[in-house]
């Protein structure tokens, strides 16, 4: 009887050595003691697994693979996390370097003395110098700051900023900035990134918040798209509808109707060779007419940055295309 009772113990203890983590997972999943079939519990304080009935230790000296939840000062009591911010392409060092806090306080929140403040100021200065070791990093830091400034002014979400930062990094690695301005390349990257993320901004909108002129942005964008082999599909006019409708305060019914009109216009080929912004503005104006919403052409033209003549000439064509599709 002794040999029979000891056999399961030997086989149970040797399983982790033979099968590694698989044996450990299988034993933990059973939750029963091999000695008395009692329930197995985990003791976090002792770092062991033991039976709740007979007290047999199933496994000891376990490694705690969870996060560290100790708080070393008063600031960390509410946020006991040992992980930093995620990596991001929006910072020149991807957010991996150490940043000295700007507050002149110690770990307990007490103000530093004058001598200590001067010392911390010197450390911040040298820390900033070490974070940008060469001209390429200084270039990248300035450009990413410009991208974030323009993206904030345009209300671009994080996916657009990340894509734009990646495009600028690729352009910098390929030495594409030779003879071109940093502002022009950063603006062209932002214009391309917004199109790649299906949330396009018009060239006029991007140029309005940039420090580069529109002609320079156009040339740099064509050069960027050619060198990086970006697959730029024609902009869908429907991508502008949500933004224009939100700025005009149009109800959901008008926005939904304008999307239907754009799909009909695309099916009939009305959008071919025309500015997608003008098509979107005209479709929204036509939908407002159909849903009895008071939308003024001047307001819509100003928001879309197109002329009133464009809106006035396009919306009858869109209505005619919608009628043709409905008749079919």
Foldseek 3Di string as FASTA:
>chain_A
DVVVLCVVVVVLLCVCVVPNVVSVVVVVVLQADSRPGAGWDADPVQQFIAGPPPGHTSGGPHDDPDFDQDDDEPVCPVPRGPDDDAFALLALVSPPDDADDPAQADRHRHHDDPVVVVVVVVVNVVSVCVCQPDPLSVLLRVLSVLLVQLCVVVVNDRQLSRQLSVLVVVCSVVVVCVVHDSQLLSLLSSQVSCQVVLQHDDLVSSQVSTPDHSVSNVVNNVVSCVVVVDDGDDRQLLSCLVVLCVVVVHDPQLSVQLVLLSVLCVVVVVCPPHDSLLSSLLSSVLSCVVVVHDDDLVVSCVVSVHDSVSSVVNNVVSVVSSVVVVVD
